[in-house]
Amino acid sequence: MAVYPGHKVLAMFPFYNEGEKLEVLVSKIVPGLVDEFVAVNDGSTDDGPARLRRHGLTVLDQERSGIGACILRCVRYARERGFDTLVVMAGNGKDDPGEIPRLLAPIIVGRADYVQGSRFLPGGASPICRGSRSSGSSYFVFLSAFTLANRSPS
Protein backbone atom coordinates (compact mmCIF):
# COMPACT_ATOMS: atom_id res chain seq x y z
CA MET A 1 0.00 0.00 0.00
CA ALA A 2 1.35 3.42 -0.98
CA VAL A 3 2.31 5.90 1.72
CA TYR A 4 0.57 8.65 -0.29
CA PRO A 5 -2.62 7.31 -1.97
CA GLY A 6 -2.42 7.77 -5.73
CA HIS A 7 1.36 8.28 -5.68
CA LYS A 8 4.36 6.00 -5.49
CA VAL A 9 7.21 8.01 -3.93
CA LEU A 10 10.91 7.19 -4.05
CA ALA A 11 13.48 9.16 -2.07
CA MET A 12 17.11 9.00 -3.12
CA PHE A 13 20.40 10.41 -1.98
CA PRO A 14 23.69 10.32 -3.85
CA PHE A 15 26.85 9.94 -1.81
CA TYR A 16 30.60 9.74 -2.14
CA ASN A 17 32.77 8.83 0.85
CA GLU A 18 30.29 10.11 3.43
CA GLY A 19 30.90 7.25 5.93
CA GLU A 20 29.76 8.42 9.35
CA LYS A 21 27.49 11.15 7.95
CA LEU A 22 25.42 8.37 6.40
CA GLU A 23 24.81 6.90 9.86
CA VAL A 24 23.29 10.22 10.95
CA LEU A 25 21.09 10.32 7.86
CA VAL A 26 19.96 6.70 8.24
CA SER A 27 19.01 7.32 11.87
CA LYS A 28 16.46 9.88 10.62
CA ILE A 29 14.87 7.57 8.05
CA VAL A 30 11.66 6.19 9.51
CA PRO A 31 8.86 4.13 7.94
CA GLY A 32 5.99 6.09 6.44
CA LEU A 33 7.97 8.96 4.91
CA VAL A 34 8.06 7.50 1.38
CA ASP A 35 7.50 4.14 -0.26
CA GLU A 36 11.23 3.44 -0.66
CA PHE A 37 14.63 5.03 0.02
CA VAL A 38 17.53 4.36 -2.37
CA ALA A 39 21.14 5.46 -2.03
CA VAL A 40 23.35 5.93 -5.09
CA ASN A 41 27.01 5.25 -4.41
CA ASP A 42 29.13 7.47 -6.66
CA GLY A 43 32.25 5.29 -6.47
CA SER A 44 32.92 5.59 -2.74
CA THR A 45 36.12 4.04 -1.43
CA ASP A 46 35.05 4.14 2.23
CA ASP A 47 32.65 1.86 4.10
CA GLY A 48 29.56 3.99 3.35
CA PRO A 49 27.89 1.48 1.01
CA ALA A 50 28.37 -1.36 3.53
CA ARG A 51 26.97 0.80 6.35
CA LEU A 52 23.81 1.48 4.34
CA ARG A 53 23.35 -2.14 3.34
CA ARG A 54 23.66 -3.20 6.98
CA HIS A 55 20.65 -0.94 7.65
CA GLY A 56 18.72 -2.66 4.86
CA LEU A 57 18.83 0.20 2.35
CA THR A 58 19.05 -0.42 -1.38
CA VAL A 59 22.38 0.89 -2.69
CA LEU A 60 22.97 1.39 -6.40
CA ASP A 61 26.70 1.37 -7.18
CA GLN A 62 28.34 3.21 -10.04
CA GLU A 63 31.76 4.50 -11.00
CA ARG A 64 32.56 8.07 -9.92
CA SER A 65 30.60 10.26 -12.33
CA GLY A 66 28.96 13.01 -10.28
CA ILE A 67 25.65 13.93 -8.71
CA GLY A 68 23.86 14.40 -12.04
CA ALA A 69 24.71 10.85 -13.10
CA CYS A 70 23.53 9.58 -9.70
CA ILE A 71 20.18 11.29 -10.14
CA LEU A 72 19.79 9.94 -13.68
CA ARG A 73 20.60 6.45 -12.44
CA CYS A 74 17.88 6.76 -9.83
CA VAL A 75 15.38 8.16 -12.34
CA ARG A 76 15.88 5.00 -14.42
CA TYR A 77 15.46 2.87 -11.26
CA ALA A 78 12.25 4.76 -10.40
CA ARG A 79 10.76 4.41 -13.88
CA GLU A 80 11.55 0.69 -14.02
CA ARG A 81 9.64 0.22 -10.75
CA GLY A 82 6.63 2.44 -11.42
CA PHE A 83 7.44 5.35 -9.11
CA ASP A 84 5.81 8.65 -10.11
CA THR A 85 7.45 11.00 -7.61
CA LEU A 86 11.12 11.38 -6.77
CA VAL A 87 12.60 13.13 -3.74
CA VAL A 88 16.30 14.01 -4.09
CA MET A 89 18.20 14.50 -0.84
CA ALA A 90 21.82 15.22 0.06
CA GLY A 91 23.79 12.23 1.27
CA ASN A 92 25.87 14.29 3.67
CA GLY A 93 23.16 14.83 6.27
CA LYS A 94 22.15 18.38 5.25
CA ASP A 95 18.59 17.35 4.52
CA ASP A 96 16.17 16.06 7.14
CA PRO A 97 14.02 13.17 5.88
CA GLY A 98 11.37 14.26 8.40
CA GLU A 99 10.67 17.26 6.15
CA ILE A 100 9.63 15.05 3.23
CA PRO A 101 5.86 15.14 3.98
CA ARG A 102 5.98 18.95 4.11
CA LEU A 103 7.90 19.06 0.84
CA LEU A 104 5.52 16.65 -0.91
CA ALA A 105 2.26 18.23 0.29
CA PRO A 106 1.78 20.58 -2.70
CA ILE A 107 2.42 17.71 -5.12
CA ILE A 108 0.11 15.28 -3.33
CA VAL A 109 -2.82 17.73 -3.34
CA GLY A 110 -2.22 18.65 -7.00
CA ARG A 111 -1.03 22.23 -6.49
CA ALA A 112 2.47 21.61 -7.92
CA ASP A 113 4.40 19.31 -10.20
CA TYR A 114 7.80 20.32 -8.78
CA VAL A 115 8.83 21.49 -5.32
CA GLN A 116 12.26 22.53 -4.13
CA GLY A 117 13.03 22.77 -0.41
CA SER A 118 14.71 25.79 1.12
CA ARG A 119 17.14 26.17 3.99
CA PHE A 120 16.38 29.90 4.02
CA LEU A 121 12.61 29.95 4.61
CA PRO A 122 11.07 29.77 8.09
CA GLY A 123 11.71 26.32 9.51
CA GLY A 124 14.76 25.76 7.30
CA ALA A 125 18.36 25.73 8.45
CA SER A 126 21.75 26.30 6.86
CA PRO A 127 24.29 26.23 9.70
CA ILE A 128 27.24 25.34 7.45
CA CYS A 129 26.24 27.42 4.42
CA ARG A 130 28.32 30.58 4.58
CA GLY A 131 30.20 33.02 2.35
CA SER A 132 30.72 31.99 -1.25
CA ARG A 133 28.59 28.88 -0.78
CA SER A 134 25.64 31.04 0.27
CA SER A 135 26.26 33.35 -2.70
CA GLY A 136 26.41 30.32 -5.00
CA SER A 137 23.12 29.05 -3.62
CA SER A 138 21.50 32.44 -4.26
CA TYR A 139 22.78 32.40 -7.83
CA PHE A 140 21.40 28.88 -8.36
CA VAL A 141 18.03 30.03 -6.99
CA PHE A 142 18.04 32.90 -9.49
CA LEU A 143 18.86 30.55 -12.38
CA SER A 144 16.22 28.03 -11.28
CA ALA A 145 13.56 30.74 -10.98
CA PHE A 146 14.51 32.18 -14.36
CA THR A 147 14.50 28.75 -16.02
CA LEU A 148 11.20 27.73 -14.45
CA ALA A 149 9.67 31.19 -15.11
CA ASN A 150 8.57 31.29 -11.50
CA ARG A 151 9.57 33.16 -8.37
CA SER A 152 11.42 30.98 -5.93
CA PRO A 153 12.68 31.97 -2.48
CA SER A 154 15.32 29.20 -2.61
C-alpha atoms as a PDB file:
ATOM      1  CA  MET A   1       0.000   0.000   0.000  1.00  0.00           C
ATOM      2  CA  ALA A   2       1.349   3.421  -0.984  1.00  0.00           C
ATOM      3  CA  VAL A   3       2.306   5.901   1.715  1.00  0.00           C
ATOM      4  CA  TYR A   4       0.566   8.650  -0.292  1.00  0.00           C
ATOM      5  CA  PRO A   5      -2.619   7.311  -1.970  1.00  0.00           C
ATOM      6  CA  GLY A   6      -2.420   7.774  -5.725  1.00  0.00           C
ATOM      7  CA  HIS A   7       1.364   8.279  -5.677  1.00  0.00           C
ATOM      8  CA  LYS A   8       4.360   6.001  -5.487  1.00  0.00           C
ATOM      9  CA  VAL A   9       7.211   8.008  -3.927  1.00  0.00           C
ATOM     10  CA  LEU A  10      10.911   7.188  -4.046  1.00  0.00           C
ATOM     11  CA  ALA A  11      13.484   9.162  -2.065  1.00  0.00           C
ATOM     12  CA  MET A  12      17.112   9.002  -3.117  1.00  0.00           C
ATOM     13  CA  PHE A  13      20.396  10.407  -1.976  1.00  0.00           C
ATOM     14  CA  PRO A  14      23.685  10.318  -3.855  1.00  0.00           C
ATOM     15  CA  PHE A  15      26.849   9.936  -1.812  1.00  0.00           C
ATOM     16  CA  TYR A  16      30.603   9.742  -2.141  1.00  0.00           C
ATOM     17  CA  ASN A  17      32.775   8.832   0.851  1.00  0.00           C
ATOM     18  CA  GLU A  18      30.293  10.105   3.431  1.00  0.00           C
ATOM     19  CA  GLY A  19      30.900   7.254   5.925  1.00  0.00           C
ATOM     20  CA  GLU A  20      29.758   8.417   9.353  1.00  0.00           C
ATOM     21  CA  LYS A  21      27.490  11.151   7.952  1.00  0.00           C
ATOM     22  CA  LEU A  22      25.422   8.370   6.403  1.00  0.00           C
ATOM     23  CA  GLU A  23      24.812   6.898   9.860  1.00  0.00           C
ATOM     24  CA  VAL A  24      23.289  10.215  10.953  1.00  0.00           C
ATOM     25  CA  LEU A  25      21.088  10.322   7.863  1.00  0.00           C
ATOM     26  CA  VAL A  26      19.963   6.697   8.235  1.00  0.00           C
ATOM     27  CA  SER A  27      19.014   7.316  11.866  1.00  0.00           C
ATOM     28  CA  LYS A  28      16.464   9.875  10.616  1.00  0.00           C
ATOM     29  CA  ILE A  29      14.867   7.569   8.046  1.00  0.00           C
ATOM     30  CA  VAL A  30      11.661   6.192   9.508  1.00  0.00           C
ATOM     31  CA  PRO A  31       8.855   4.133   7.944  1.00  0.00           C
ATOM     32  CA  GLY A  32       5.988   6.088   6.439  1.00  0.00           C
ATOM     33  CA  LEU A  33       7.965   8.962   4.906  1.00  0.00           C
ATOM     34  CA  VAL A  34       8.058   7.503   1.379  1.00  0.00           C
ATOM     35  CA  ASP A  35       7.504   4.138  -0.264  1.00  0.00           C
ATOM     36  CA  GLU A  36      11.235   3.443  -0.655  1.00  0.00           C
ATOM     37  CA  PHE A  37      14.634   5.028   0.016  1.00  0.00           C
ATOM     38  CA  VAL A  38      17.531   4.361  -2.365  1.00  0.00           C
ATOM     39  CA  ALA A  39      21.140   5.463  -2.027  1.00  0.00           C
ATOM     40  CA  VAL A  40      23.347   5.930  -5.090  1.00  0.00           C
ATOM     41  CA  ASN A  41      27.014   5.249  -4.411  1.00  0.00           C
ATOM     42  CA  ASP A  42      29.131   7.471  -6.663  1.00  0.00           C
ATOM     43  CA  GLY A  43      32.248   5.293  -6.474  1.00  0.00           C
ATOM     44  CA  SER A  44      32.921   5.590  -2.740  1.00  0.00           C
ATOM     45  CA  THR A  45      36.120   4.039  -1.427  1.00  0.00           C
ATOM     46  CA  ASP A  46      35.048   4.137   2.234  1.00  0.00           C
ATOM     47  CA  ASP A  47      32.653   1.859   4.104  1.00  0.00           C
ATOM     48  CA  GLY A  48      29.561   3.986   3.349  1.00  0.00           C
ATOM     49  CA  PRO A  49      27.887   1.478   1.009  1.00  0.00           C
ATOM     50  CA  ALA A  50      28.371  -1.356   3.528  1.00  0.00           C
ATOM     51  CA  ARG A  51      26.974   0.805   6.351  1.00  0.00           C
ATOM     52  CA  LEU A  52      23.805   1.484   4.344  1.00  0.00           C
ATOM     53  CA  ARG A  53      23.354  -2.141   3.339  1.00  0.00           C
ATOM     54  CA  ARG A  54      23.658  -3.199   6.984  1.00  0.00           C
ATOM     55  CA  HIS A  55      20.655  -0.937   7.652  1.00  0.00           C
ATOM     56  CA  GLY A  56      18.721  -2.664   4.856  1.00  0.00           C
ATOM     57  CA  LEU A  57      18.831   0.201   2.347  1.00  0.00           C
ATOM     58  CA  THR A  58      19.049  -0.415  -1.383  1.00  0.00           C
ATOM     59  CA  VAL A  59      22.377   0.887  -2.691  1.00  0.00           C
ATOM     60  CA  LEU A  60      22.971   1.391  -6.402  1.00  0.00           C
ATOM     61  CA  ASP A  61      26.703   1.365  -7.176  1.00  0.00           C
ATOM     62  CA  GLN A  62      28.338   3.214 -10.043  1.00  0.00           C
ATOM     63  CA  GLU A  63      31.763   4.501 -10.998  1.00  0.00           C
ATOM     64  CA  ARG A  64      32.558   8.065  -9.924  1.00  0.00           C
ATOM     65  CA  SER A  65      30.605  10.260 -12.330  1.00  0.00           C
ATOM     66  CA  GLY A  66      28.958  13.014 -10.281  1.00  0.00           C
ATOM     67  CA  ILE A  67      25.651  13.931  -8.713  1.00  0.00           C
ATOM     68  CA  GLY A  68      23.858  14.396 -12.036  1.00  0.00           C
ATOM     69  CA  ALA A  69      24.712  10.851 -13.105  1.00  0.00           C
ATOM     70  CA  CYS A  70      23.527   9.580  -9.704  1.00  0.00           C
ATOM     71  CA  ILE A  71      20.179  11.290 -10.139  1.00  0.00           C
ATOM     72  CA  LEU A  72      19.787   9.942 -13.681  1.00  0.00           C
ATOM     73  CA  ARG A  73      20.600   6.445 -12.440  1.00  0.00           C
ATOM     74  CA  CYS A  74      17.881   6.758  -9.826  1.00  0.00           C
ATOM     75  CA  VAL A  75      15.377   8.165 -12.340  1.00  0.00           C
ATOM     76  CA  ARG A  76      15.880   5.001 -14.416  1.00  0.00           C
ATOM     77  CA  TYR A  77      15.456   2.873 -11.263  1.00  0.00           C
ATOM     78  CA  ALA A  78      12.248   4.764 -10.404  1.00  0.00           C
ATOM     79  CA  ARG A  79      10.759   4.407 -13.882  1.00  0.00           C
ATOM     80  CA  GLU A  80      11.546   0.692 -14.016  1.00  0.00           C
ATOM     81  CA  ARG A  81       9.636   0.215 -10.753  1.00  0.00           C
ATOM     82  CA  GLY A  82       6.633   2.445 -11.420  1.00  0.00           C
ATOM     83  CA  PHE A  83       7.438   5.352  -9.109  1.00  0.00           C
ATOM     84  CA  ASP A  84       5.813   8.651 -10.115  1.00  0.00           C
ATOM     85  CA  THR A  85       7.451  11.000  -7.606  1.00  0.00           C
ATOM     86  CA  LEU A  86      11.124  11.380  -6.771  1.00  0.00           C
ATOM     87  CA  VAL A  87      12.600  13.130  -3.744  1.00  0.00           C
ATOM     88  CA  VAL A  88      16.299  14.014  -4.087  1.00  0.00           C
ATOM     89  CA  MET A  89      18.204  14.500  -0.843  1.00  0.00           C
ATOM     90  CA  ALA A  90      21.816  15.220   0.060  1.00  0.00           C
ATOM     91  CA  GLY A  91      23.789  12.230   1.272  1.00  0.00           C
ATOM     92  CA  ASN A  92      25.872  14.293   3.667  1.00  0.00           C
ATOM     93  CA  GLY A  93      23.156  14.835   6.267  1.00  0.00           C
ATOM     94  CA  LYS A  94      22.155  18.376   5.245  1.00  0.00           C
ATOM     95  CA  ASP A  95      18.586  17.353   4.518  1.00  0.00           C
ATOM     96  CA  ASP A  96      16.171  16.062   7.142  1.00  0.00           C
ATOM     97  CA  PRO A  97      14.020  13.172   5.883  1.00  0.00           C
ATOM     98  CA  GLY A  98      11.372  14.264   8.400  1.00  0.00           C
ATOM     99  CA  GLU A  99      10.671  17.259   6.145  1.00  0.00           C
ATOM    100  CA  ILE A 100       9.627  15.053   3.226  1.00  0.00           C
ATOM    101  CA  PRO A 101       5.856  15.142   3.976  1.00  0.00           C
ATOM    102  CA  ARG A 102       5.979  18.946   4.107  1.00  0.00           C
ATOM    103  CA  LEU A 103       7.903  19.055   0.836  1.00  0.00           C
ATOM    104  CA  LEU A 104       5.517  16.653  -0.913  1.00  0.00           C
ATOM    105  CA  ALA A 105       2.264  18.228   0.295  1.00  0.00           C
ATOM    106  CA  PRO A 106       1.780  20.583  -2.702  1.00  0.00           C
ATOM    107  CA  ILE A 107       2.421  17.707  -5.124  1.00  0.00           C
ATOM    108  CA  ILE A 108       0.112  15.285  -3.333  1.00  0.00           C
ATOM    109  CA  VAL A 109      -2.821  17.735  -3.343  1.00  0.00           C
ATOM    110  CA  GLY A 110      -2.216  18.649  -7.003  1.00  0.00           C
ATOM    111  CA  ARG A 111      -1.028  22.234  -6.491  1.00  0.00           C
ATOM    112  CA  ALA A 112       2.467  21.608  -7.917  1.00  0.00           C
ATOM    113  CA  ASP A 113       4.403  19.311 -10.202  1.00  0.00           C
ATOM    114  CA  TYR A 114       7.800  20.319  -8.780  1.00  0.00           C
ATOM    115  CA  VAL A 115       8.829  21.489  -5.325  1.00  0.00           C
ATOM    116  CA  GLN A 116      12.265  22.526  -4.129  1.00  0.00           C
ATOM    117  CA  GLY A 117      13.025  22.769  -0.409  1.00  0.00           C
ATOM    118  CA  SER A 118      14.711  25.792   1.119  1.00  0.00           C
ATOM    119  CA  ARG A 119      17.141  26.172   3.988  1.00  0.00           C
ATOM    120  CA  PHE A 120      16.381  29.899   4.016  1.00  0.00           C
ATOM    121  CA  LEU A 121      12.614  29.951   4.608  1.00  0.00           C
ATOM    122  CA  PRO A 122      11.071  29.768   8.090  1.00  0.00           C
ATOM    123  CA  GLY A 123      11.707  26.317   9.510  1.00  0.00           C
ATOM    124  CA  GLY A 124      14.757  25.758   7.296  1.00  0.00           C
ATOM    125  CA  ALA A 125      18.355  25.727   8.447  1.00  0.00           C
ATOM    126  CA  SER A 126      21.752  26.303   6.861  1.00  0.00           C
ATOM    127  CA  PRO A 127      24.291  26.231   9.700  1.00  0.00           C
ATOM    128  CA  ILE A 128      27.236  25.342   7.447  1.00  0.00           C
ATOM    129  CA  CYS A 129      26.242  27.416   4.419  1.00  0.00           C
ATOM    130  CA  ARG A 130      28.325  30.578   4.585  1.00  0.00           C
ATOM    131  CA  GLY A 131      30.197  33.022   2.354  1.00  0.00           C
ATOM    132  CA  SER A 132      30.725  31.990  -1.248  1.00  0.00           C
ATOM    133  CA  ARG A 133      28.594  28.883  -0.780  1.00  0.00           C
ATOM    134  CA  SER A 134      25.636  31.036   0.273  1.00  0.00           C
ATOM    135  CA  SER A 135      26.255  33.345  -2.702  1.00  0.00           C
ATOM    136  CA  GLY A 136      26.409  30.324  -4.995  1.00  0.00           C
ATOM    137  CA  SER A 137      23.122  29.047  -3.618  1.00  0.00           C
ATOM    138  CA  SER A 138      21.505  32.435  -4.257  1.00  0.00           C
ATOM    139  CA  TYR A 139      22.783  32.398  -7.834  1.00  0.00           C
ATOM    140  CA  PHE A 140      21.401  28.876  -8.357  1.00  0.00           C
ATOM    141  CA  VAL A 141      18.028  30.028  -6.995  1.00  0.00           C
ATOM    142  CA  PHE A 142      18.038  32.899  -9.492  1.00  0.00           C
ATOM    143  CA  LEU A 143      18.859  30.552 -12.382  1.00  0.00           C
ATOM    144  CA  SER A 144      16.218  28.034 -11.278  1.00  0.00           C
ATOM    145  CA  ALA A 145      13.556  30.742 -10.982  1.00  0.00           C
ATOM    146  CA  PHE A 146      14.510  32.176 -14.361  1.00  0.00           C
ATOM    147  CA  THR A 147      14.499  28.753 -16.016  1.00  0.00           C
ATOM    148  CA  LEU A 148      11.196  27.732 -14.449  1.00  0.00           C
ATOM    149  CA  ALA A 149       9.671  31.195 -15.105  1.00  0.00           C
ATOM    150  CA  ASN A 150       8.570  31.292 -11.500  1.00  0.00           C
ATOM    151  CA  ARG A 151       9.575  33.164  -8.369  1.00  0.00           C
ATOM    152  CA  SER A 152      11.418  30.983  -5.930  1.00  0.00           C
ATOM    153  CA  PRO A 153      12.682  31.971  -2.476  1.00  0.00           C
ATOM    154  CA  SER A 154      15.319  29.198  -2.612  1.00  0.00           C
END
